[in-house]
Protein backbone atom coordinates (compact mmCIF):
# COMPACT_ATOMS: atom_id res chain seq x y z
CA MET A 1 42.28 3.38 -3.58
CA THR A 2 41.34 1.39 -0.73
CA SER A 3 38.39 -0.99 0.03
CA THR A 4 37.59 -1.44 3.73
CA ASP A 5 35.46 -4.34 4.99
CA SER A 6 34.88 -2.57 8.26
CA PRO A 7 35.88 0.72 10.07
CA ASP A 8 39.10 0.59 12.13
CA GLN A 9 38.67 -0.23 15.63
CA SER A 10 40.13 2.91 16.95
CA ASP A 11 38.49 6.34 16.25
CA THR A 12 40.02 7.87 13.10
CA GLU A 13 39.31 10.65 10.77
CA ASP A 14 39.70 10.55 6.95
CA ALA A 15 39.14 13.45 4.62
CA TYR A 16 37.75 13.15 1.07
CA ASP A 17 36.16 15.55 -1.21
CA VAL A 18 32.86 13.69 -1.58
CA ILE A 19 31.18 11.06 0.89
CA VAL A 20 28.48 9.15 -0.69
CA VAL A 21 26.31 7.08 2.05
CA GLY A 22 24.66 4.27 0.09
CA ALA A 23 26.06 2.18 -2.76
CA GLY A 24 23.02 1.32 -4.56
CA PRO A 25 22.90 2.17 -8.23
CA VAL A 26 22.18 5.72 -7.44
CA GLY A 27 24.99 6.14 -4.95
CA GLU A 28 27.38 4.28 -7.34
CA ASN A 29 26.57 6.65 -10.18
CA LEU A 30 27.25 9.77 -8.21
CA ALA A 31 30.49 8.45 -6.87
CA GLY A 32 31.59 7.29 -10.16
CA ARG A 33 30.97 10.69 -11.81
CA THR A 34 32.70 12.66 -9.02
CA ALA A 35 35.62 10.40 -8.94
CA ALA A 36 35.95 10.61 -12.69
CA ALA A 37 36.03 14.45 -12.38
CA GLY A 38 39.09 14.08 -10.05
CA LEU A 39 37.40 14.40 -6.63
CA ARG A 40 38.47 12.10 -3.94
CA THR A 41 35.23 10.08 -3.32
CA VAL A 42 34.41 7.46 -0.62
CA ILE A 43 31.19 5.34 -0.68
CA VAL A 44 29.95 3.81 2.56
CA GLU A 45 27.53 0.79 2.43
CA SER A 46 25.96 -1.23 5.23
CA GLU A 47 24.66 -4.10 3.25
CA LEU A 48 25.48 -5.21 -0.52
CA VAL A 49 27.29 -2.90 -3.06
CA GLY A 50 24.69 -2.70 -5.81
CA GLY A 51 21.75 -2.04 -3.38
CA GLU A 52 18.12 -2.78 -3.44
CA CYS A 53 17.62 -2.68 -7.22
CA SER A 54 20.30 -5.23 -7.96
CA TYR A 55 19.39 -7.91 -5.32
CA TRP A 56 15.95 -7.43 -4.02
CA ALA A 57 13.86 -5.26 -6.32
CA CYS A 58 14.21 -4.41 -10.13
CA MET A 59 16.49 -7.29 -11.36
CA PRO A 60 15.03 -10.26 -9.38
CA SER A 61 11.33 -9.20 -10.00
CA LYS A 62 11.66 -8.65 -13.75
CA THR A 63 13.68 -11.87 -14.28
CA LEU A 64 11.13 -13.92 -12.49
CA LEU A 65 8.51 -12.34 -14.79
CA ARG A 66 10.40 -12.72 -18.06
CA SER A 67 9.95 -16.38 -18.40
CA GLY A 68 5.99 -16.08 -18.27
CA HIS A 69 6.12 -13.11 -20.67
CA ALA A 70 8.11 -15.03 -23.14
CA LEU A 71 5.82 -18.16 -22.89
CA ARG A 72 2.77 -16.07 -23.26
CA ALA A 73 4.18 -14.34 -26.33
CA ALA A 74 4.86 -17.67 -27.93
CA GLU A 75 1.38 -18.96 -27.20
CA ARG A 76 -0.19 -16.04 -29.00
CA VAL A 77 1.37 -16.62 -32.30
CA ALA A 78 0.15 -19.39 -34.39
CA GLY A 79 2.98 -21.87 -35.16
CA SER A 80 4.94 -21.14 -32.04
CA ALA A 81 1.93 -21.83 -30.01
CA GLU A 82 1.86 -25.32 -31.34
CA ALA A 83 5.69 -25.78 -30.34
CA VAL A 84 5.05 -24.71 -26.80
CA ARG A 85 4.35 -27.71 -24.37
CA GLY A 86 4.08 -27.77 -20.64
CA PRO A 87 4.43 -25.14 -17.85
CA LEU A 88 7.24 -23.00 -16.83
CA ASP A 89 10.20 -24.83 -15.41
CA VAL A 90 10.15 -23.20 -11.84
CA GLU A 91 13.53 -24.64 -10.84
CA LYS A 92 15.05 -23.03 -14.03
CA VAL A 93 13.30 -19.62 -13.58
CA LEU A 94 14.38 -19.40 -9.93
CA ARG A 95 18.06 -20.28 -10.94
CA ARG A 96 18.09 -17.58 -13.63
CA ARG A 97 16.88 -15.31 -11.17
CA ASP A 98 19.85 -16.32 -8.79
CA GLU A 99 22.33 -15.82 -11.62
CA PHE A 100 21.13 -12.17 -12.09
CA ILE A 101 21.57 -11.45 -8.49
CA HIS A 102 24.81 -13.33 -8.40
CA ASP A 103 23.44 -15.40 -5.38
CA LEU A 104 23.62 -12.20 -3.17
CA ASP A 105 27.34 -11.80 -3.87
CA ASP A 106 28.41 -8.26 -4.50
CA SER A 107 32.04 -9.02 -5.54
CA SER A 108 31.56 -8.02 -9.34
CA GLN A 109 30.16 -4.52 -7.95
CA VAL A 110 33.02 -4.26 -5.50
CA GLU A 111 35.32 -4.69 -8.58
CA TRP A 112 33.65 -1.98 -10.45
CA VAL A 113 34.08 0.45 -7.36
CA GLU A 114 37.57 -0.29 -7.22
CA SER A 115 38.22 0.19 -10.80
CA ALA A 116 36.50 3.59 -10.81
CA GLY A 117 38.98 4.88 -8.12
CA ILE A 118 36.29 4.99 -5.27
CA THR A 119 37.22 4.15 -1.75
CA LEU A 120 34.59 1.74 -0.40
CA VAL A 121 34.02 1.76 3.44
CA ARG A 122 31.66 -1.00 4.76
CA GLY A 123 29.49 0.13 7.75
CA VAL A 124 26.55 2.01 8.76
CA GLY A 125 26.92 5.76 7.99
CA ARG A 126 25.57 8.55 10.01
CA LEU A 127 25.82 12.43 9.93
CA VAL A 128 27.57 13.68 13.21
CA GLY A 129 28.61 17.15 12.14
CA GLU A 130 29.01 19.59 9.42
CA ARG A 131 30.65 17.59 6.31
CA LYS A 132 31.32 14.71 8.73
CA VAL A 133 29.99 11.04 8.61
CA ALA A 134 30.66 8.53 11.32
CA VAL A 135 30.70 4.98 10.06
CA ARG A 136 30.12 2.30 12.42
CA SER A 137 31.20 -1.43 11.68
CA ARG A 138 28.52 -3.83 10.89
CA ASP A 139 29.16 -5.93 14.01
CA GLY A 140 29.43 -2.71 16.13
CA SER A 141 33.05 -3.22 17.00
CA GLY A 142 34.51 -0.01 15.72
CA GLU A 143 33.73 3.54 14.32
CA ARG A 144 35.70 5.89 12.26
CA VAL A 145 34.85 9.54 11.04
CA LEU A 146 34.96 10.58 7.63
CA SER A 147 35.03 14.33 6.55
CA ALA A 148 34.22 15.89 3.26
CA ARG A 149 36.07 18.99 1.71
CA GLN A 150 33.03 19.55 -0.81
CA ALA A 151 29.88 17.44 -0.31
CA VAL A 152 28.08 14.64 1.41
CA ALA A 153 25.41 12.83 -0.74
CA LEU A 154 22.85 10.56 0.96
CA ALA A 155 21.70 7.76 -1.16
CA THR A 156 20.35 5.38 1.36
CA GLY A 157 17.21 4.38 -0.41
CA SER A 158 14.01 3.37 0.87
CA ARG A 159 12.43 0.18 2.46
CA ALA A 160 9.18 -1.48 2.78
CA ASN A 161 6.54 0.50 4.75
CA LEU A 162 4.66 -2.01 7.08
CA PRO A 163 1.21 -0.91 8.14
CA PRO A 164 0.12 -0.90 11.80
CA LEU A 165 -1.77 -4.32 11.44
CA ASP A 166 -2.63 -6.09 14.56
CA GLY A 167 -0.39 -9.06 15.01
CA LEU A 168 1.90 -8.25 12.12
CA ASP A 169 5.05 -8.22 14.05
CA ASP A 170 4.38 -11.89 15.27
CA VAL A 171 3.75 -13.49 11.92
CA ALA A 172 7.19 -12.99 10.13
CA PRO A 173 5.70 -11.28 6.96
CA TRP A 174 7.55 -10.90 3.75
CA THR A 175 8.07 -7.68 2.09
CA SER A 176 9.39 -7.05 -1.50
CA ARG A 177 12.83 -8.50 -0.32
CA GLU A 178 11.57 -11.81 0.49
CA ILE A 179 9.20 -12.52 -2.24
CA THR A 180 11.77 -11.47 -4.76
CA ASN A 181 14.20 -13.95 -3.31
CA ALA A 182 11.93 -16.78 -2.44
CA LYS A 183 13.58 -20.10 -3.11
CA ALA A 184 10.22 -21.99 -3.95
CA ALA A 185 6.54 -21.02 -4.88
CA PRO A 186 4.44 -20.94 -1.83
CA ARG A 187 1.26 -23.07 -1.95
CA ARG A 188 -0.93 -20.29 -0.84
CA LEU A 189 0.15 -16.67 -1.14
CA VAL A 190 -1.56 -13.65 -0.01
CA ILE A 191 -0.38 -10.13 -0.98
CA VAL A 192 -1.65 -7.12 0.73
CA GLY A 193 -1.43 -4.08 -1.78
CA GLY A 194 -2.64 -2.98 -5.08
CA GLY A 195 0.60 -1.12 -6.44
CA VAL A 196 3.48 -2.00 -8.85
CA VAL A 197 4.98 -4.65 -6.42
CA ALA A 198 1.77 -6.26 -5.42
CA VAL A 199 0.42 -6.80 -9.00
CA GLU A 200 3.76 -7.89 -10.55
CA MET A 201 4.59 -10.39 -7.77
CA ALA A 202 0.97 -11.66 -7.82
CA GLN A 203 1.15 -12.53 -11.54
CA ALA A 204 4.83 -13.79 -11.23
CA TRP A 205 4.22 -16.36 -8.58
CA SER A 206 0.81 -17.38 -10.01
CA TRP A 207 2.74 -18.31 -13.08
CA LEU A 208 5.19 -20.16 -10.84
CA GLY A 209 2.41 -22.30 -9.25
CA SER A 210 1.10 -20.34 -6.37
CA GLU A 211 -2.50 -19.92 -5.40
CA VAL A 212 -2.56 -16.10 -5.00
CA THR A 213 -4.88 -13.75 -3.52
CA LEU A 214 -4.57 -10.03 -3.68
CA VAL A 215 -6.13 -7.88 -0.90
CA VAL A 216 -6.51 -4.26 -2.20
CA ARG A 217 -7.74 -1.41 0.16
CA SER A 218 -8.92 0.82 -2.88
CA GLU A 219 -11.45 0.07 -5.41
CA ALA A 220 -8.77 -0.48 -8.21
CA VAL A 221 -5.11 -1.72 -8.60
CA LEU A 222 -2.63 0.70 -9.93
CA GLU A 223 -4.88 3.49 -9.13
CA ARG A 224 -2.34 6.31 -9.76
CA ASN A 225 -2.49 5.37 -13.60
CA GLU A 226 -5.20 6.12 -16.03
CA PRO A 227 -8.36 4.21 -15.09
CA PHE A 228 -8.18 1.83 -18.10
CA VAL A 229 -4.68 0.59 -16.82
CA GLY A 230 -6.13 -0.90 -13.68
CA GLU A 231 -9.07 -2.19 -15.59
CA ALA A 232 -6.75 -4.09 -18.18
CA VAL A 233 -4.42 -5.47 -15.43
CA LEU A 234 -7.14 -6.59 -13.11
CA ARG A 235 -8.93 -8.43 -16.01
CA SER A 236 -5.70 -10.26 -16.69
CA LEU A 237 -4.94 -11.10 -12.99
CA ARG A 238 -8.38 -12.78 -12.80
CA GLN A 239 -7.87 -14.46 -16.01
CA ASP A 240 -4.72 -16.02 -14.49
CA GLY A 241 -6.79 -17.28 -11.57
CA ILE A 242 -5.63 -14.82 -9.01
CA THR A 243 -8.27 -13.82 -6.61
CA VAL A 244 -8.42 -10.01 -6.23
CA LEU A 245 -10.54 -8.50 -3.36
CA LEU A 246 -11.06 -4.72 -4.06
CA GLY A 247 -12.04 -2.24 -1.49
CA ARG A 248 -10.93 -4.58 1.51
CA GLU A 249 -9.02 -3.52 4.63
CA SER A 250 -6.88 -6.02 6.56
CA THR A 251 -7.54 -5.74 10.27
CA SER A 252 -5.39 -8.46 11.92
CA VAL A 253 -3.19 -11.41 11.30
CA THR A 254 -2.36 -14.38 13.39
CA ARG A 255 -0.16 -17.56 13.30
CA ASP A 256 -0.27 -20.77 15.13
CA GLY A 257 3.57 -21.55 15.87
CA ASP A 258 5.35 -22.15 12.42
CA GLY A 259 2.12 -22.83 10.54
CA PRO A 260 -0.05 -20.69 8.08
CA ARG A 261 -1.04 -17.22 8.72
CA THR A 262 -4.73 -16.18 8.90
CA LEU A 263 -5.49 -12.78 7.82
CA THR A 264 -8.59 -11.07 8.97
CA LEU A 265 -10.46 -8.60 6.81
CA ASP A 266 -12.74 -5.69 7.66
CA ASP A 267 -15.83 -7.68 6.72
CA GLY A 268 -15.01 -10.47 9.23
CA SER A 269 -13.69 -12.78 6.55
CA THR A 270 -10.45 -14.59 6.75
CA LEU A 271 -7.68 -15.75 4.40
CA THR A 272 -5.30 -18.56 5.20
CA CYS A 273 -1.95 -18.49 3.56
CA ASP A 274 1.47 -20.14 3.76
CA GLU A 275 3.39 -16.79 3.26
CA LEU A 276 1.90 -13.30 3.59
CA VAL A 277 3.43 -10.33 1.65
CA ILE A 278 2.91 -6.93 2.54
CA ALA A 279 3.36 -4.40 -0.50
CA THR A 280 1.84 -1.16 0.99
CA GLY A 281 4.37 1.50 -0.21
CA ARG A 282 7.92 2.44 0.74
CA LYS A 283 9.38 4.76 3.45
CA PRO A 284 13.02 6.44 3.38
CA ARG A 285 15.81 4.73 4.93
CA THR A 286 16.79 7.66 7.03
CA ASP A 287 16.31 6.10 10.58
CA ASP A 288 19.22 7.00 12.70
CA LEU A 289 20.81 8.97 9.86
CA GLY A 290 21.78 11.97 12.14
CA LEU A 291 19.40 14.33 10.08
CA ASP A 292 19.11 16.47 13.29
CA VAL A 293 22.68 17.67 12.47
CA VAL A 294 21.00 19.85 9.66
CA GLY A 295 17.70 20.58 11.48
CA LEU A 296 15.94 17.77 9.92
CA LYS A 297 14.20 14.67 11.30
CA ASP A 298 15.24 11.01 11.03
CA GLY A 299 12.76 8.85 9.43
CA ASP A 300 11.50 11.57 7.04
CA TYR A 301 12.29 12.16 3.41
CA VAL A 302 15.17 14.68 2.81
CA GLU A 303 14.01 17.82 1.13
CA VAL A 304 16.20 18.89 -1.76
CA ASP A 305 16.02 21.65 -4.45
CA ASP A 306 16.28 20.87 -8.17
CA THR A 307 20.20 20.38 -7.96
CA LEU A 308 19.32 17.91 -5.17
CA ARG A 309 20.90 19.86 -2.49
CA THR A 310 19.31 20.44 0.82
CA PRO A 311 18.17 24.08 1.19
CA GLY A 312 20.17 25.84 3.84
CA THR A 313 23.09 23.21 3.87
CA PRO A 314 25.29 23.98 0.91
CA TRP A 315 27.25 20.76 1.43
CA LEU A 316 24.42 18.23 1.72
CA TYR A 317 22.62 16.40 -1.17
CA ALA A 318 20.23 13.70 -1.25
CA VAL A 319 19.50 11.59 -4.31
CA GLY A 320 17.08 8.80 -5.08
CA ASP A 321 14.31 7.31 -3.11
CA VAL A 322 15.73 9.04 -0.01
CA ASN A 323 14.38 12.37 -1.25
CA GLY A 324 10.88 11.13 -2.14
CA ARG A 325 10.73 12.91 -5.48
CA ALA A 326 10.35 9.89 -7.66
CA LEU A 327 10.83 6.41 -6.16
CA LEU A 328 12.20 4.79 -9.24
CA THR A 329 15.92 3.44 -9.96
CA HIS A 330 16.26 5.15 -13.26
CA GLN A 331 15.00 8.50 -11.88
CA GLY A 332 17.37 8.12 -9.03
CA LYS A 333 20.19 7.59 -11.49
CA TYR A 334 19.09 10.75 -13.31
CA GLN A 335 19.23 12.75 -10.12
CA ALA A 336 22.59 11.37 -9.33
CA ARG A 337 24.01 12.58 -12.70
CA ILE A 338 22.69 16.11 -11.91
CA ALA A 339 24.01 16.06 -8.31
CA SER A 340 27.35 14.93 -9.23
CA ASP A 341 27.85 17.45 -11.94
CA ALA A 342 26.63 20.23 -9.43
CA ILE A 343 29.03 19.03 -6.90
CA VAL A 344 31.86 19.10 -9.55
CA ALA A 345 30.92 22.37 -10.87
CA ARG A 346 30.67 24.14 -7.32
CA ALA A 347 33.92 22.61 -6.40
CA ARG A 348 35.39 24.64 -9.29
CA GLY A 349 33.48 27.85 -8.03
CA GLU A 350 30.99 27.51 -10.89
CA GLU A 351 27.15 27.27 -10.98
CA ALA A 352 25.43 23.99 -11.10
CA PRO A 353 25.04 23.22 -15.07
CA TYR A 354 21.48 22.12 -15.11
CA THR A 355 18.54 21.09 -12.91
CA ALA A 356 16.25 17.92 -12.42
CA VAL A 357 13.32 19.16 -14.57
CA ALA A 358 12.07 15.76 -15.37
CA ASP A 359 11.12 14.90 -11.81
CA HIS A 360 8.30 17.35 -12.18
CA ARG A 361 7.00 16.47 -15.72
CA ALA A 362 8.55 13.60 -17.55
CA VAL A 363 8.92 10.63 -15.12
CA PRO A 364 8.67 7.27 -16.94
CA GLN A 365 7.47 3.99 -15.34
CA VAL A 366 6.79 0.53 -16.48
CA VAL A 367 4.74 -2.16 -14.71
CA PHE A 368 6.07 -5.47 -16.00
CA THR A 369 2.80 -7.31 -15.74
CA ASP A 370 1.04 -8.95 -18.66
CA PRO A 371 -0.34 -6.68 -20.12
CA GLU A 372 2.68 -4.29 -19.78
CA VAL A 373 2.01 -0.93 -18.55
CA ALA A 374 4.13 2.05 -19.81
CA ALA A 375 3.61 5.67 -18.88
CA VAL A 376 5.17 9.10 -18.83
CA GLY A 377 4.15 12.46 -17.64
CA LEU A 378 0.78 13.59 -16.22
CA THR A 379 -2.43 11.57 -16.22
CA LEU A 380 -5.58 13.25 -17.52
CA GLN A 381 -6.61 13.85 -14.04
CA GLU A 382 -3.23 15.17 -12.82
CA ALA A 383 -3.32 17.65 -15.51
CA LYS A 384 -6.81 18.89 -14.69
CA ASP A 385 -5.82 19.37 -11.20
CA ALA A 386 -2.90 21.33 -12.08
CA GLY A 387 -5.30 23.51 -14.01
CA ARG A 388 -4.01 22.65 -17.42
CA SER A 389 -6.30 23.09 -20.37
CA CYS A 390 -6.06 19.59 -21.78
CA ARG A 391 -7.61 16.80 -23.71
CA MET A 392 -7.10 13.08 -24.05
CA VAL A 393 -6.98 11.11 -27.34
CA GLU A 394 -7.05 7.38 -27.23
CA TYR A 395 -6.48 4.67 -29.83
CA ASP A 396 -6.97 0.71 -29.85
CA LEU A 397 -3.33 -0.47 -30.13
CA GLY A 398 -4.66 -4.05 -31.35
CA SER A 399 -5.89 -2.37 -34.56
CA VAL A 400 -2.51 -1.36 -35.56
CA ALA A 401 -0.78 -3.63 -38.21
CA GLY A 402 2.40 -4.05 -36.10
CA ALA A 403 0.35 -5.30 -32.96
CA ALA A 404 -1.44 -7.75 -35.14
CA VAL A 405 1.84 -9.26 -36.41
CA GLN A 406 3.04 -9.10 -32.77
CA ALA A 407 0.44 -11.37 -31.39
CA ASP A 408 -2.68 -13.06 -32.67
CA GLY A 409 -5.87 -11.26 -31.16
CA TYR A 410 -3.66 -8.42 -29.61
CA THR A 411 -5.41 -6.27 -27.19
CA GLY A 412 -3.95 -2.85 -26.01
CA LYS A 413 -4.53 0.71 -25.76
CA VAL A 414 -2.74 3.95 -26.03
CA ALA A 415 -3.77 7.47 -24.73
CA LEU A 416 -2.12 10.85 -25.00
CA VAL A 417 -2.83 13.83 -22.63
CA VAL A 418 -2.45 16.96 -24.84
CA ASP A 419 -1.89 20.54 -23.40
CA GLU A 420 -4.28 22.55 -25.50
CA ASP A 421 -2.40 25.87 -25.01
CA GLY A 422 1.07 24.75 -25.82
CA GLN A 423 0.05 22.12 -28.29
CA THR A 424 2.37 19.66 -26.78
CA VAL A 425 1.98 16.10 -25.23
CA ILE A 426 2.36 16.28 -21.47
CA GLY A 427 1.31 12.58 -20.77
CA ALA A 428 1.23 9.16 -22.40
CA THR A 429 0.01 5.72 -21.38
CA PHE A 430 0.54 2.43 -23.11
CA VAL A 431 -1.16 -0.82 -22.02
CA GLY A 432 -0.51 -4.13 -23.94
CA GLN A 433 1.94 -6.79 -24.80
CA ASP A 434 5.69 -5.55 -25.43
CA VAL A 435 4.82 -1.85 -24.83
CA ALA A 436 7.62 -1.12 -22.56
CA GLU A 437 10.07 -0.50 -25.26
CA MET A 438 7.69 2.15 -26.97
CA LEU A 439 7.86 4.48 -23.77
CA GLN A 440 11.22 6.16 -24.61
CA ALA A 441 9.78 7.67 -27.62
CA ALA A 442 6.98 9.24 -25.70
CA THR A 443 9.43 10.25 -22.92
CA ILE A 444 11.48 12.17 -25.46
CA VAL A 445 8.19 13.93 -26.76
CA VAL A 446 7.12 14.82 -23.23
CA ALA A 447 10.48 16.00 -21.84
CA ALA A 448 11.46 17.80 -25.03
CA GLU A 449 8.08 19.37 -25.36
CA VAL A 450 7.92 18.64 -29.07
CA PRO A 451 5.02 20.59 -30.80
CA LEU A 452 2.35 18.51 -32.30
CA SER A 453 3.10 20.38 -35.57
CA ALA A 454 6.54 18.67 -35.59
CA LEU A 455 5.35 15.30 -34.61
CA ARG A 456 3.62 14.92 -37.99
CA HIS A 457 6.93 14.49 -39.36
CA ALA A 458 8.18 11.78 -37.14
CA VAL A 459 7.23 8.88 -39.49
CA PRO A 460 6.77 5.46 -37.79
CA ALA A 461 8.15 2.50 -39.54
CA TYR A 462 5.75 0.15 -40.87
CA PRO A 463 4.66 -2.58 -39.72
CA THR A 464 5.53 -1.65 -36.13
CA MET A 465 3.28 -1.03 -33.01
CA SER A 466 4.83 2.65 -32.94
CA GLU A 467 2.48 3.27 -36.05
CA VAL A 468 -0.10 3.99 -33.34
CA TRP A 469 1.65 7.48 -33.23
CA LEU A 470 0.45 8.26 -36.72
CA ARG A 471 -3.22 7.26 -35.63
CA LEU A 472 -3.02 9.46 -32.69
CA MET A 473 -1.69 12.29 -34.49
CA GLU A 474 -4.51 11.75 -37.12
CA GLN A 475 -6.95 12.13 -34.31
CA LEU A 476 -5.32 15.31 -33.13
CA GLY A 477 -5.62 16.98 -36.66
CA GLN A 478 -2.02 16.60 -37.44
């Protein structure tokens, strides 16, 4: 096992069984499994081992939100509400965030890679031929060529997609990376976008003292969810004092030297802010990846089949955000397990043992706002668009005994989308305080296609919020 900070100065070629390009959670999972199966594995990383999720996305964003969630939970229960005094301690919240991201030090992740028997090569990887990856040192001083006997797996992830906004290149905008790693709360913060990153960071930094304005092009936030989701989150954002402008397009942005930015909207109005965050989606990190070697185009998502292998290229796999199937860390790790097992099986002359069915019908996601949003499977509209015979049942989560215990005046909602032909649940959405931990039960129900007739025997404990399942089953005649 070797760990290399940069490629050798001279051109060399090293042979491995598996080359993984990208050492985020997805690449680490794949490499760990192939190495554990006895395949000689190398992983290539151009930045920090642990990737986007560990340092600039999931972990810092959720730790920034957690203190606010805990404070609100205490404020909603008589007795603890009286014990809570004062606002959040911003310095300690940010210090806790820094501890979770190890102050952008990946030493512990490197230790894991080494302990797993994986070779680490630091540098920028690029396909240069069949089963070959050239790795250029980060300072451009050298390059080496790695070859794979069995497979090359691309796990390079995604990056923020910046819109073609006039003046944007001149104003040093923030993306998800900068807003999750900010060292202090900006006095005036404008966030462009209405998706998960936008609403989570709007609420997090509002709780930490920023004056936040959210500029949303559509007429709703979180519009890919059931309509009641966006309505509940929008109501909460505005109650927090966040200005939310719906149906507004940003047209240009300017900055006077190192001073504030001025964002102009399509109605001619302007917004002045100390920091401007662009949260308008993601794009694959496939620029200059050498995809032309396999007849694909750099900058595009990498097409894969359900074993995560690129059609027509039996040695190339793409896992995680880079393939565009489901841009979520947990879904990428799921894909990594499937791809690694396929690689190992094929190396033995066997068929891939299973395929990525969850990508099509059972993708879970949590939005860590207050209220939380947890959803899996299809929305009602998605099910109808797919031609499914379906219906929705809804229930007021606040009327369940467990929710009343959880918080005084609890408000929330649960909805199930049911396939009428198969009599199974094909979608579930939860909105309310602390609903994230209720999602796995719904994910199992959707992924396993549990019949409604069987769910009547899944008795929820009393008094928990999960008792809402009993009420929903009653509405479905079970």
